[in-house]
């Protein structure tokens, strides 16, 4: 639920490599705060990065949304 709010309008953003790195870092921090630790067989352990990223990370999500937006624009031009 949080990801769509954060990336609202990101289809038109011009992101640098540093911006993408900051977004990924922010996402990892938030996910670790929300999910934190897990108890397995009575032992408390931290969640690994692989477990955090069941869904595509925020940068991949933004790239996908940007591509969808570009394809939408191309289809709209075909209607003219």
PDB file of N, CA and C in Angstrom:
ATOM      1  N   UNK A   1       0.818  -1.191   0.000  1.00  0.00           N
ATOM      2  CA  UNK A   1       0.000   0.000   0.000  1.00  0.00           C
ATOM      3  C   UNK A   1       0.867   1.262   0.000  1.00  0.00           C
ATOM      4  N   UNK A   2       2.019   1.187   0.590  1.00  0.00           N
ATOM      5  CA  UNK A   2       2.872   2.359   0.705  1.00  0.00           C
ATOM      6  C   UNK A   2       3.565   2.693  -0.612  1.00  0.00           C
ATOM      7  N   UNK A   3       3.924   1.662  -1.384  1.00  0.00           N
ATOM      8  CA  UNK A   3       4.704   1.873  -2.610  1.00  0.00           C
ATOM      9  C   UNK A   3       3.983   2.772  -3.609  1.00  0.00           C
ATOM     10  N   UNK A   4       2.688   2.569  -3.909  1.00  0.00           N
ATOM     11  CA  UNK A   4       2.018   3.471  -4.857  1.00  0.00           C
ATOM     12  C   UNK A   4       1.984   4.925  -4.398  1.00  0.00           C
ATOM     13  N   UNK A   5       1.905   5.150  -3.110  1.00  0.00           N
ATOM     14  CA  UNK A   5       1.890   6.524  -2.595  1.00  0.00           C
ATOM     15  C   UNK A   5       3.246   7.188  -2.811  1.00  0.00           C
ATOM     16  N   UNK A   6       4.304   6.450  -2.565  1.00  0.00           N
ATOM     17  CA  UNK A   6       5.659   6.997  -2.683  1.00  0.00           C
ATOM     18  C   UNK A   6       6.008   7.308  -4.133  1.00  0.00           C
ATOM     19  N   UNK A   7       5.597   6.449  -5.056  1.00  0.00           N
ATOM     20  CA  UNK A   7       6.011   6.612  -6.453  1.00  0.00           C
ATOM     21  C   UNK A   7       4.955   7.320  -7.301  1.00  0.00           C
ATOM     22  N   UNK A   8       3.979   7.944  -6.670  1.00  0.00           N
ATOM     23  CA  UNK A   8       2.939   8.646  -7.414  1.00  0.00           C
ATOM     24  C   UNK A   8       3.564   9.699  -8.338  1.00  0.00           C
ATOM     25  N   UNK A   9       3.294   9.595  -9.619  1.00  0.00           N
ATOM     26  CA  UNK A   9       3.802  10.550 -10.587  1.00  0.00           C
ATOM     27  C   UNK A   9       5.238  10.304 -11.000  1.00  0.00           C
ATOM     28  N   UNK A  10       5.808   9.186 -10.588  1.00  0.00           N
ATOM     29  CA  UNK A  10       7.226   8.934 -10.866  1.00  0.00           C
ATOM     30  C   UNK A  10       7.498   8.643 -12.339  1.00  0.00           C
ATOM     31  N   UNK A  11       6.461   8.450 -13.123  1.00  0.00           N
ATOM     32  CA  UNK A  11       6.652   8.194 -14.545  1.00  0.00           C
ATOM     33  C   UNK A  11       7.370   9.354 -15.225  1.00  0.00           C
ATOM     34  N   UNK A  12       7.233  10.534 -14.684  1.00  0.00           N
ATOM     35  CA  UNK A  12       7.822  11.723 -15.302  1.00  0.00           C
ATOM     36  C   UNK A  12       9.078  12.217 -14.572  1.00  0.00           C
ATOM     37  N   UNK A  13       9.492  11.525 -13.535  1.00  0.00           N
ATOM     38  CA  UNK A  13      10.674  11.942 -12.797  1.00  0.00           C
ATOM     39  C   UNK A  13      11.941  11.634 -13.589  1.00  0.00           C
ATOM     40  N   UNK A  14      12.909  12.494 -13.483  1.00  0.00           N
ATOM     41  CA  UNK A  14      14.242  12.235 -14.037  1.00  0.00           C
ATOM     42  C   UNK A  14      15.123  11.802 -12.874  1.00  0.00           C
ATOM     43  N   UNK A  15      15.387  10.514 -12.786  1.00  0.00           N
ATOM     44  CA  UNK A  15      16.136   9.984 -11.655  1.00  0.00           C
ATOM     45  C   UNK A  15      17.600   9.762 -12.013  1.00  0.00           C
ATOM     46  N   UNK A  16      18.461  10.170 -11.124  1.00  0.00           N
ATOM     47  CA  UNK A  16      19.881   9.880 -11.281  1.00  0.00           C
ATOM     48  C   UNK A  16      20.176   8.550 -10.572  1.00  0.00           C
ATOM     49  N   UNK A  17      21.360   8.048 -10.755  1.00  0.00           N
ATOM     50  CA  UNK A  17      21.765   6.815 -10.088  1.00  0.00           C
ATOM     51  C   UNK A  17      21.731   7.012  -8.578  1.00  0.00           C
ATOM     52  N   UNK A  18      22.135   8.180  -8.128  1.00  0.00           N
ATOM     53  CA  UNK A  18      22.122   8.479  -6.695  1.00  0.00           C
ATOM     54  C   UNK A  18      20.693   8.478  -6.144  1.00  0.00           C
ATOM     55  N   UNK A  19      19.750   9.043  -6.911  1.00  0.00           N
ATOM     56  CA  UNK A  19      18.350   9.039  -6.481  1.00  0.00           C
ATOM     57  C   UNK A  19      17.825   7.609  -6.349  1.00  0.00           C
ATOM     58  N   UNK A  20      18.162   6.762  -7.323  1.00  0.00           N
ATOM     59  CA  UNK A  20      17.722   5.362  -7.282  1.00  0.00           C
ATOM     60  C   UNK A  20      18.320   4.644  -6.080  1.00  0.00           C
ATOM     61  N   UNK A  21      19.580   4.927  -5.792  1.00  0.00           N
ATOM     62  CA  UNK A  21      20.234   4.312  -4.637  1.00  0.00           C
ATOM     63  C   UNK A  21      19.569   4.773  -3.343  1.00  0.00           C
ATOM     64  N   UNK A  22      19.233   6.043  -3.264  1.00  0.00           N
ATOM     65  CA  UNK A  22      18.569   6.562  -2.057  1.00  0.00           C
ATOM     66  C   UNK A  22      17.185   5.949  -1.872  1.00  0.00           C
ATOM     67  N   UNK A  23      16.452   5.799  -2.966  1.00  0.00           N
ATOM     68  CA  UNK A  23      15.129   5.172  -2.882  1.00  0.00           C
ATOM     69  C   UNK A  23      15.233   3.723  -2.422  1.00  0.00           C
ATOM     70  N   UNK A  24      16.201   2.995  -2.940  1.00  0.00           N
ATOM     71  CA  UNK A  24      16.395   1.601  -2.531  1.00  0.00           C
ATOM     72  C   UNK A  24      16.767   1.506  -1.056  1.00  0.00           C
ATOM     73  N   UNK A  25      17.631   2.396  -0.616  1.00  0.00           N
ATOM     74  CA  UNK A  25      18.026   2.419   0.794  1.00  0.00           C
ATOM     75  C   UNK A  25      16.833   2.738   1.683  1.00  0.00           C
ATOM     76  N   UNK A  26      16.055   3.729   1.293  1.00  0.00           N
ATOM     77  CA  UNK A  26      14.861   4.102   2.052  1.00  0.00           C
ATOM     78  C   UNK A  26      13.902   2.925   2.136  1.00  0.00           C
ATOM     79  N   UNK A  27      13.695   2.237   1.005  1.00  0.00           N
ATOM     80  CA  UNK A  27      12.761   1.107   0.992  1.00  0.00           C
ATOM     81  C   UNK A  27      13.235   0.000   1.926  1.00  0.00           C
ATOM     82  N   UNK A  28      14.528  -0.327   1.880  1.00  0.00           N
ATOM     83  CA  UNK A  28      15.056  -1.363   2.766  1.00  0.00           C
ATOM     84  C   UNK A  28      14.862  -0.996   4.234  1.00  0.00           C
ATOM     85  N   UNK A  29      15.113   0.270   4.573  1.00  0.00           N
ATOM     86  CA  UNK A  29      14.936   0.706   5.963  1.00  0.00           C
ATOM     87  C   UNK A  29      13.485   0.557   6.407  1.00  0.00           C
ATOM     88  N   UNK A  30      12.568   0.972   5.551  1.00  0.00           N
ATOM     89  CA  UNK A  30      11.142   0.884   5.894  1.00  0.00           C
ATOM     90  C   UNK A  30      10.715  -0.576   6.033  1.00  0.00           C
ATOM     91  N   UNK A  31      11.106  -1.411   5.083  1.00  0.00           N
ATOM     92  CA  UNK A  31      10.727  -2.821   5.150  1.00  0.00           C
ATOM     93  C   UNK A  31      11.300  -3.496   6.388  1.00  0.00           C
ATOM     94  N   UNK A  32      12.531  -3.175   6.717  1.00  0.00           N
ATOM     95  CA  UNK A  32      13.114  -3.771   7.921  1.00  0.00           C
ATOM     96  C   UNK A  32      12.399  -3.298   9.185  1.00  0.00           C
ATOM     97  N   UNK A  33      11.956  -2.040   9.188  1.00  0.00           N
ATOM     98  CA  UNK A  33      11.212  -1.540  10.346  1.00  0.00           C
ATOM     99  C   UNK A  33       9.860  -2.212  10.470  1.00  0.00           C
ATOM    100  N   UNK A  34       9.193  -2.400   9.327  1.00  0.00           N
ATOM    101  CA  UNK A  34       7.859  -3.002   9.345  1.00  0.00           C
ATOM    102  C   UNK A  34       7.952  -4.491   9.649  1.00  0.00           C
ATOM    103  N   UNK A  35       8.814  -5.192   8.910  1.00  0.00           N
ATOM    104  CA  UNK A  35       8.899  -6.643   9.049  1.00  0.00           C
ATOM    105  C   UNK A  35       9.838  -7.064  10.154  1.00  0.00           C
ATOM    106  N   UNK A  36      10.932  -6.301  10.320  1.00  0.00           N
ATOM    107  CA  UNK A  36      11.857  -6.527  11.428  1.00  0.00           C
ATOM    108  C   UNK A  36      12.455  -7.908  11.482  1.00  0.00           C
ATOM    109  N   UNK A  37      12.076  -8.636  12.489  1.00  0.00           N
ATOM    110  CA  UNK A  37      12.642  -9.955  12.742  1.00  0.00           C
ATOM    111  C   UNK A  37      11.548 -11.004  12.639  1.00  0.00           C
ATOM    112  N   UNK A  38      11.988 -12.231  12.571  1.00  0.00           N
ATOM    113  CA  UNK A  38      11.049 -13.345  12.522  1.00  0.00           C
ATOM    114  C   UNK A  38      11.528 -14.416  13.504  1.00  0.00           C
ATOM    115  N   UNK A  39      10.584 -15.113  14.085  1.00  0.00           N
ATOM    116  CA  UNK A  39      10.929 -16.186  15.008  1.00  0.00           C
ATOM    117  C   UNK A  39      10.741 -17.508  14.268  1.00  0.00           C
ATOM    118  N   UNK A  40      11.817 -18.255  14.162  1.00  0.00           N
ATOM    119  CA  UNK A  40      11.769 -19.572  13.541  1.00  0.00           C
ATOM    120  C   UNK A  40      12.267 -20.597  14.526  1.00  0.00           C
ATOM    121  N   UNK A  41      11.449 -21.577  14.811  1.00  0.00           N
ATOM    122  CA  UNK A  41      11.799 -22.653  15.741  1.00  0.00           C
ATOM    123  C   UNK A  41      12.281 -22.088  17.079  1.00  0.00           C
ATOM    124  N   UNK A  42      11.633 -21.041  17.517  1.00  0.00           N
ATOM    125  CA  UNK A  42      11.957 -20.446  18.805  1.00  0.00           C
ATOM    126  C   UNK A  42      13.184 -19.554  18.814  1.00  0.00           C
ATOM    127  N   UNK A  43      13.772 -19.301  17.632  1.00  0.00           N
ATOM    128  CA  UNK A  43      14.976 -18.474  17.550  1.00  0.00           C
ATOM    129  C   UNK A  43      14.640 -17.195  16.792  1.00  0.00           C
ATOM    130  N   UNK A  44      14.998 -16.054  17.368  1.00  0.00           N
ATOM    131  CA  UNK A  44      14.770 -14.759  16.743  1.00  0.00           C
ATOM    132  C   UNK A  44      15.915 -14.448  15.785  1.00  0.00           C
ATOM    133  N   UNK A  45      15.569 -14.118  14.512  1.00  0.00           N
ATOM    134  CA  UNK A  45      16.603 -13.771  13.548  1.00  0.00           C
ATOM    135  C   UNK A  45      16.116 -12.622  12.675  1.00  0.00           C
ATOM    136  N   UNK A  46      17.078 -11.895  12.097  1.00  0.00           N
ATOM    137  CA  UNK A  46      16.740 -10.810  11.185  1.00  0.00           C
ATOM    138  C   UNK A  46      16.306 -11.383   9.845  1.00  0.00           C
ATOM    139  N   UNK A  47      15.460 -10.631   9.143  1.00  0.00           N
ATOM    140  CA  UNK A  47      15.014 -11.041   7.823  1.00  0.00           C
ATOM    141  C   UNK A  47      16.096 -10.678   6.813  1.00  0.00           C
ATOM    142  N   UNK A  48      16.368 -11.589   5.870  1.00  0.00           N
ATOM    143  CA  UNK A  48      17.386 -11.346   4.858  1.00  0.00           C
ATOM    144  C   UNK A  48      16.821 -10.470   3.738  1.00  0.00           C
ATOM    145  N   UNK A  49      17.716  -9.925   2.925  1.00  0.00           N
ATOM    146  CA  UNK A  49      17.285  -9.091   1.798  1.00  0.00           C
ATOM    147  C   UNK A  49      16.423  -9.877   0.819  1.00  0.00           C
ATOM    148  N   UNK A  50      16.736 -11.153   0.608  1.00  0.00           N
ATOM    149  CA  UNK A  50      15.948 -11.971  -0.303  1.00  0.00           C
ATOM    150  C   UNK A  50      14.513 -12.126   0.198  1.00  0.00           C
ATOM    151  N   UNK A  51      14.350 -12.230   1.492  1.00  0.00           N
ATOM    152  CA  UNK A  51      13.009 -12.339   2.061  1.00  0.00           C
ATOM    153  C   UNK A  51      12.263 -11.011   1.979  1.00  0.00           C
ATOM    154  N   UNK A  52      12.993  -9.898   2.065  1.00  0.00           N
ATOM    155  CA  UNK A  52      12.356  -8.588   1.974  1.00  0.00           C
ATOM    156  C   UNK A  52      11.797  -8.332   0.590  1.00  0.00           C
ATOM    157  N   UNK A  53      12.509  -8.814  -0.428  1.00  0.00           N
ATOM    158  CA  UNK A  53      12.149  -8.487  -1.797  1.00  0.00           C
ATOM    159  C   UNK A  53      11.369  -9.596  -2.478  1.00  0.00           C
ATOM    160  N   UNK A  54      10.240  -9.956  -1.914  1.00  0.00           N
ATOM    161  CA  UNK A  54       9.344 -10.898  -2.590  1.00  0.00           C
ATOM    162  C   UNK A  54       8.754 -10.222  -3.818  1.00  0.00           C
ATOM    163  N   UNK A  55       8.416  -8.953  -3.680  1.00  0.00           N
ATOM    164  CA  UNK A  55       7.940  -8.136  -4.792  1.00  0.00           C
ATOM    165  C   UNK A  55       9.138  -7.407  -5.386  1.00  0.00           C
ATOM    166  N   UNK A  56       9.019  -6.925  -6.619  1.00  0.00           N
ATOM    167  CA  UNK A  56      10.133  -6.146  -7.187  1.00  0.00           C
ATOM    168  C   UNK A  56      10.433  -4.928  -6.314  1.00  0.00           C
ATOM    169  N   UNK A  57      11.706  -4.545  -6.249  1.00  0.00           N
ATOM    170  CA  UNK A  57      12.076  -3.387  -5.444  1.00  0.00           C
ATOM    171  C   UNK A  57      11.490  -2.105  -6.053  1.00  0.00           C
ATOM    172  N   UNK A  58      11.591  -1.030  -5.331  1.00  0.00           N
ATOM    173  CA  UNK A  58      10.920   0.210  -5.703  1.00  0.00           C
ATOM    174  C   UNK A  58      11.451   0.781  -7.026  1.00  0.00           C
ATOM    175  N   UNK A  59      12.745   0.634  -7.291  1.00  0.00           N
ATOM    176  CA  UNK A  59      13.315   1.163  -8.533  1.00  0.00           C
ATOM    177  C   UNK A  59      12.809   0.351  -9.728  1.00  0.00           C
ATOM    178  N   UNK A  60      12.765  -0.970  -9.595  1.00  0.00           N
ATOM    179  CA  UNK A  60      12.233  -1.815 -10.677  1.00  0.00           C
ATOM    180  C   UNK A  60      10.750  -1.510 -10.905  1.00  0.00           C
ATOM    181  N   UNK A  61      10.023  -1.278  -9.818  1.00  0.00           N
ATOM    182  CA  UNK A  61       8.603  -0.933  -9.922  1.00  0.00           C
ATOM    183  C   UNK A  61       8.429   0.386 -10.679  1.00  0.00           C
ATOM    184  N   UNK A  62       9.276   1.366 -10.372  1.00  0.00           N
ATOM    185  CA  UNK A  62       9.190   2.668 -11.042  1.00  0.00           C
ATOM    186  C   UNK A  62       9.537   2.546 -12.524  1.00  0.00           C
ATOM    187  N   UNK A  63      10.533   1.732 -12.850  1.00  0.00           N
ATOM    188  CA  UNK A  63      10.901   1.538 -14.250  1.00  0.00           C
ATOM    189  C   UNK A  63       9.769   0.863 -15.018  1.00  0.00           C
ATOM    190  N   UNK A  64       9.110  -0.084 -14.386  1.00  0.00           N
ATOM    191  CA  UNK A  64       7.969  -0.763 -15.012  1.00  0.00           C
ATOM    192  C   UNK A  64       6.838   0.227 -15.268  1.00  0.00           C
ATOM    193  N   UNK A  65       6.531   1.059 -14.273  1.00  0.00           N
ATOM    194  CA  UNK A  65       5.459   2.045 -14.425  1.00  0.00           C
ATOM    195  C   UNK A  65       5.806   3.069 -15.507  1.00  0.00           C
ATOM    196  N   UNK A  66       7.085   3.460 -15.606  1.00  0.00           N
ATOM    197  CA  UNK A  66       7.509   4.408 -16.633  1.00  0.00           C
ATOM    198  C   UNK A  66       7.321   3.802 -18.026  1.00  0.00           C
ATOM    199  N   UNK A  67       7.685   2.537 -18.181  1.00  0.00           N
ATOM    200  CA  UNK A  67       7.508   1.852 -19.460  1.00  0.00           C
ATOM    201  C   UNK A  67       6.025   1.749 -19.827  1.00  0.00           C
ATOM    202  N   UNK A  68       5.184   1.433 -18.850  1.00  0.00           N
ATOM    203  CA  UNK A  68       3.740   1.379 -19.104  1.00  0.00           C
ATOM    204  C   UNK A  68       3.220   2.742 -19.554  1.00  0.00           C
ATOM    205  N   UNK A  69       3.718   3.805 -18.944  1.00  0.00           N
ATOM    206  CA  UNK A  69       3.287   5.157 -19.296  1.00  0.00           C
ATOM    207  C   UNK A  69       3.723   5.511 -20.720  1.00  0.00           C
ATOM    208  N   UNK A  70       4.959   5.170 -21.077  1.00  0.00           N
ATOM    209  CA  UNK A  70       5.458   5.441 -22.428  1.00  0.00           C
ATOM    210  C   UNK A  70       4.635   4.676 -23.457  1.00  0.00           C
ATOM    211  N   UNK A  71       4.325   3.414 -23.177  1.00  0.00           N
ATOM    212  CA  UNK A  71       3.497   2.635 -24.101  1.00  0.00           C
ATOM    213  C   UNK A  71       2.100   3.240 -24.232  1.00  0.00           C
ATOM    214  N   UNK A  72       1.577   3.761 -23.149  1.00  0.00           N
ATOM    215  CA  UNK A  72       0.283   4.433 -23.186  1.00  0.00           C
ATOM    216  C   UNK A  72       0.341   5.659 -24.105  1.00  0.00           C
ATOM    217  N   UNK A  73       1.412   6.442 -23.988  1.00  0.00           N
ATOM    218  CA  UNK A  73       1.567   7.614 -24.837  1.00  0.00           C
ATOM    219  C   UNK A  73       1.674   7.229 -26.313  1.00  0.00           C
ATOM    220  N   UNK A  74       2.389   6.159 -26.599  1.00  0.00           N
ATOM    221  CA  UNK A  74       2.524   5.686 -27.976  1.00  0.00           C
ATOM    222  C   UNK A  74       1.160   5.262 -28.524  1.00  0.00           C
ATOM    223  N   UNK A  75       0.393   4.550 -27.728  1.00  0.00           N
ATOM    224  CA  UNK A  75      -0.958   4.133 -28.173  1.00  0.00           C
ATOM    225  C   UNK A  75      -1.852   5.330 -28.411  1.00  0.00           C
ATOM    226  N   UNK A  76      -1.726   6.360 -27.572  1.00  0.00           N
ATOM    227  CA  UNK A  76      -2.558   7.559 -27.749  1.00  0.00           C
ATOM    228  C   UNK A  76      -2.192   8.282 -29.037  1.00  0.00           C
ATOM    229  N   UNK A  77      -0.915   8.302 -29.402  1.00  0.00           N
ATOM    230  CA  UNK A  77      -0.502   8.944 -30.645  1.00  0.00           C
ATOM    231  C   UNK A  77      -1.031   8.188 -31.857  1.00  0.00           C
ATOM    232  N   UNK A  78      -1.179   6.880 -31.715  1.00  0.00           N
ATOM    233  CA  UNK A  78      -1.705   6.070 -32.813  1.00  0.00           C
ATOM    234  C   UNK A  78      -3.184   6.386 -33.073  1.00  0.00           C
ATOM    235  N   UNK A  79      -3.890   6.871 -32.069  1.00  0.00           N
ATOM    236  CA  UNK A  79      -5.305   7.202 -32.243  1.00  0.00           C
ATOM    237  C   UNK A  79      -5.502   8.492 -33.026  1.00  0.00           C
ATOM    238  N   UNK A  80      -4.512   9.361 -33.054  1.00  0.00           N
ATOM    239  CA  UNK A  80      -4.639  10.642 -33.772  1.00  0.00           C
ATOM    240  C   UNK A  80      -4.604  10.485 -35.242  1.00  0.00           C
TER     241      UNK A  80
END
